C-alpha cells in the first residue's frame, strides 16, 4: 500500500502563542509548547489546518496551527 496516496493524514497542531513568546512568562508552570495530534482529509482541507484549542501553558484557548512532521 502506498504511503503518499492516503486521503486521511495525521497532523500535529502547535500553539501559536507559545511559539511566538518563546519562553513562558508564568513561573509556576514548566515552560513548553502545547501540541495536539489529529487527522485531516487531504482532499477537503488542502491548506494548513488551524484550530482553537486549550493551551495548558498559556492558560487560555489559543489558535493551534499545523506544523511539519
N, C-alpha and C. Protein backbone atom coordinates (compact mmCIF):
# COMPACT_ATOMS: atom_id res chain seq x y z
N UNK A 1 0.84 -1.17 0.00
CA UNK A 1 0.00 0.00 0.00
C UNK A 1 0.89 1.24 0.00
N UNK A 2 0.59 2.16 -0.88
CA UNK A 2 1.41 3.37 -1.00
C UNK A 2 1.12 4.32 0.16
N UNK A 3 2.16 4.88 0.73
CA UNK A 3 2.02 5.75 1.88
C UNK A 3 1.54 7.15 1.48
N UNK A 4 1.92 7.65 0.33
CA UNK A 4 1.60 9.01 -0.08
C UNK A 4 0.21 9.19 -0.65
N UNK A 5 -0.54 8.12 -0.90
CA UNK A 5 -1.84 8.24 -1.53
C UNK A 5 -3.00 8.16 -0.55
N UNK A 6 -2.72 8.09 0.75
CA UNK A 6 -3.79 8.05 1.73
C UNK A 6 -4.53 9.38 1.75
N UNK A 7 -5.84 9.31 1.90
CA UNK A 7 -6.65 10.52 1.92
C UNK A 7 -6.57 11.19 3.29
N UNK A 8 -6.68 10.41 4.37
CA UNK A 8 -6.60 10.96 5.72
C UNK A 8 -5.16 10.89 6.21
N UNK A 9 -4.65 12.04 6.65
CA UNK A 9 -3.27 12.09 7.14
C UNK A 9 -3.25 12.61 8.58
N UNK A 10 -2.25 12.22 9.33
CA UNK A 10 -2.07 12.67 10.70
C UNK A 10 -1.28 13.97 10.70
N UNK A 11 -1.78 14.98 11.44
CA UNK A 11 -1.12 16.27 11.53
C UNK A 11 -0.88 16.63 12.99
N UNK A 12 0.12 17.47 13.23
CA UNK A 12 0.44 17.95 14.56
C UNK A 12 0.10 19.44 14.62
N UNK A 13 -0.68 19.82 15.64
CA UNK A 13 -1.06 21.21 15.85
C UNK A 13 -0.24 21.77 17.01
N UNK A 14 0.34 22.96 16.80
CA UNK A 14 1.20 23.58 17.82
C UNK A 14 0.66 24.95 18.17
N UNK A 15 0.72 25.31 19.44
CA UNK A 15 0.21 26.59 19.92
C UNK A 15 1.01 27.74 19.31
N UNK A 16 0.31 28.71 18.73
CA UNK A 16 0.99 29.85 18.13
C UNK A 16 1.42 30.85 19.18
N UNK A 17 0.74 30.90 20.32
CA UNK A 17 1.12 31.82 21.40
C UNK A 17 2.42 31.42 22.06
N UNK A 18 2.61 30.15 22.33
CA UNK A 18 3.84 29.67 22.96
C UNK A 18 5.02 29.82 22.01
N UNK A 19 4.81 29.60 20.73
CA UNK A 19 5.88 29.71 19.74
C UNK A 19 6.32 31.15 19.60
N UNK A 20 5.37 32.08 19.59
CA UNK A 20 5.68 33.49 19.44
C UNK A 20 6.44 34.03 20.64
N UNK A 21 6.02 33.64 21.84
CA UNK A 21 6.65 34.15 23.06
C UNK A 21 8.00 33.52 23.31
N UNK A 22 8.21 32.32 22.82
CA UNK A 22 9.48 31.64 23.03
C UNK A 22 9.56 31.02 24.40
N UNK A 23 9.71 31.83 25.41
CA UNK A 23 9.79 31.35 26.79
C UNK A 23 8.55 31.82 27.52
N UNK A 24 7.94 30.91 28.28
CA UNK A 24 6.74 31.25 29.02
C UNK A 24 7.07 32.19 30.16
N UNK A 25 6.23 33.19 30.40
CA UNK A 25 6.47 34.15 31.45
C UNK A 25 5.85 33.72 32.78
N UNK A 26 5.08 32.63 32.78
CA UNK A 26 4.46 32.13 34.00
C UNK A 26 5.47 31.25 34.72
N UNK A 27 5.83 31.63 35.95
CA UNK A 27 6.91 30.93 36.64
C UNK A 27 6.45 29.65 37.31
N UNK A 28 5.14 29.51 37.62
CA UNK A 28 4.69 28.33 38.35
C UNK A 28 4.49 27.10 37.47
N UNK A 29 4.61 27.26 36.17
CA UNK A 29 4.43 26.15 35.24
C UNK A 29 5.71 25.95 34.46
N UNK A 30 6.04 24.69 34.19
CA UNK A 30 7.22 24.42 33.39
C UNK A 30 7.02 24.97 31.98
N UNK A 31 8.08 25.49 31.38
CA UNK A 31 7.97 26.05 30.04
C UNK A 31 7.80 24.93 29.04
N UNK A 32 7.08 25.20 27.99
CA UNK A 32 6.85 24.19 26.97
C UNK A 32 5.96 24.72 25.88
N UNK A 33 5.66 23.87 24.93
CA UNK A 33 4.80 24.23 23.82
C UNK A 33 3.69 23.20 23.77
N UNK A 34 2.45 23.67 23.71
CA UNK A 34 1.29 22.80 23.66
C UNK A 34 1.15 22.22 22.25
N UNK A 35 1.00 20.90 22.16
CA UNK A 35 0.83 20.24 20.87
C UNK A 35 -0.31 19.24 20.93
N UNK A 36 -1.09 19.18 19.86
CA UNK A 36 -2.17 18.22 19.71
C UNK A 36 -1.94 17.42 18.45
N UNK A 37 -2.39 16.17 18.44
CA UNK A 37 -2.30 15.32 17.24
C UNK A 37 -3.72 15.03 16.79
N UNK A 38 -3.98 15.22 15.49
CA UNK A 38 -5.30 14.97 14.93
C UNK A 38 -5.15 14.50 13.49
N UNK A 39 -6.26 14.24 12.82
CA UNK A 39 -6.25 13.83 11.42
C UNK A 39 -7.04 14.82 10.60
N UNK A 40 -6.68 14.90 9.31
CA UNK A 40 -7.45 15.74 8.39
C UNK A 40 -7.56 15.02 7.06
N UNK A 41 -8.57 15.38 6.30
CA UNK A 41 -8.78 14.84 4.97
C UNK A 41 -8.00 15.72 3.99
N UNK A 42 -7.07 15.13 3.28
CA UNK A 42 -6.19 15.88 2.39
C UNK A 42 -6.96 16.53 1.23
N UNK A 43 -8.03 15.89 0.75
CA UNK A 43 -8.78 16.45 -0.38
C UNK A 43 -9.70 17.60 0.04
N UNK A 44 -10.33 17.49 1.22
CA UNK A 44 -11.24 18.54 1.68
C UNK A 44 -10.50 19.73 2.27
N UNK A 45 -9.33 19.52 2.87
CA UNK A 45 -8.56 20.58 3.52
C UNK A 45 -7.14 20.57 3.00
N UNK A 46 -6.88 21.10 1.81
CA UNK A 46 -5.52 21.06 1.27
C UNK A 46 -4.58 22.06 1.96
N UNK A 47 -5.13 23.14 2.54
CA UNK A 47 -4.30 24.14 3.21
C UNK A 47 -3.97 23.69 4.63
N UNK A 48 -3.11 24.47 5.29
CA UNK A 48 -2.74 24.15 6.67
C UNK A 48 -3.95 24.35 7.59
N UNK A 49 -4.09 23.44 8.54
CA UNK A 49 -5.22 23.44 9.46
C UNK A 49 -4.91 24.33 10.66
N UNK A 50 -5.90 25.13 11.11
CA UNK A 50 -5.78 25.94 12.31
C UNK A 50 -7.04 25.74 13.14
N UNK A 51 -6.87 25.31 14.39
CA UNK A 51 -7.99 25.10 15.30
C UNK A 51 -7.75 25.84 16.60
N UNK A 52 -8.84 26.24 17.24
CA UNK A 52 -8.76 26.92 18.52
C UNK A 52 -8.87 25.87 19.63
N UNK A 53 -7.77 25.63 20.34
CA UNK A 53 -7.70 24.60 21.38
C UNK A 53 -7.16 25.22 22.66
N UNK A 54 -7.34 24.51 23.79
CA UNK A 54 -6.85 25.00 25.07
C UNK A 54 -5.36 24.72 25.21
N UNK A 55 -4.60 25.73 25.62
CA UNK A 55 -3.17 25.59 25.86
C UNK A 55 -2.93 25.62 27.36
N UNK A 56 -2.44 24.52 27.96
CA UNK A 56 -2.21 24.50 29.40
C UNK A 56 -1.04 25.39 29.84
N UNK A 57 -0.17 25.78 28.93
CA UNK A 57 0.96 26.64 29.27
C UNK A 57 0.56 28.12 29.24
N UNK A 58 -0.37 28.50 28.38
CA UNK A 58 -0.86 29.88 28.31
C UNK A 58 -2.08 30.09 29.21
N UNK A 59 -2.70 29.02 29.67
CA UNK A 59 -3.92 29.05 30.50
C UNK A 59 -5.11 29.69 29.78
N UNK A 60 -5.22 29.50 28.47
CA UNK A 60 -6.36 30.02 27.73
C UNK A 60 -6.47 29.30 26.38
N UNK A 61 -7.57 29.54 25.69
CA UNK A 61 -7.76 28.97 24.36
C UNK A 61 -6.96 29.80 23.36
N UNK A 62 -6.12 29.12 22.59
CA UNK A 62 -5.27 29.78 21.60
C UNK A 62 -5.43 29.06 20.26
N UNK A 63 -5.00 29.71 19.19
CA UNK A 63 -5.01 29.09 17.88
C UNK A 63 -3.81 28.15 17.77
N UNK A 64 -4.09 26.92 17.41
CA UNK A 64 -3.05 25.91 17.20
C UNK A 64 -2.96 25.67 15.69
N UNK A 65 -1.80 25.87 15.12
CA UNK A 65 -1.60 25.71 13.69
C UNK A 65 -0.84 24.45 13.37
N UNK A 66 -1.06 23.95 12.16
CA UNK A 66 -0.41 22.73 11.70
C UNK A 66 1.08 22.97 11.45
N UNK A 67 1.91 22.02 11.86
CA UNK A 67 3.35 22.10 11.63
C UNK A 67 3.80 20.89 10.83
N UNK A 68 5.01 20.97 10.28
CA UNK A 68 5.57 19.83 9.56
C UNK A 68 6.02 18.77 10.55
N UNK A 69 6.02 17.53 10.11
CA UNK A 69 6.48 16.43 10.94
C UNK A 69 7.98 16.36 10.95
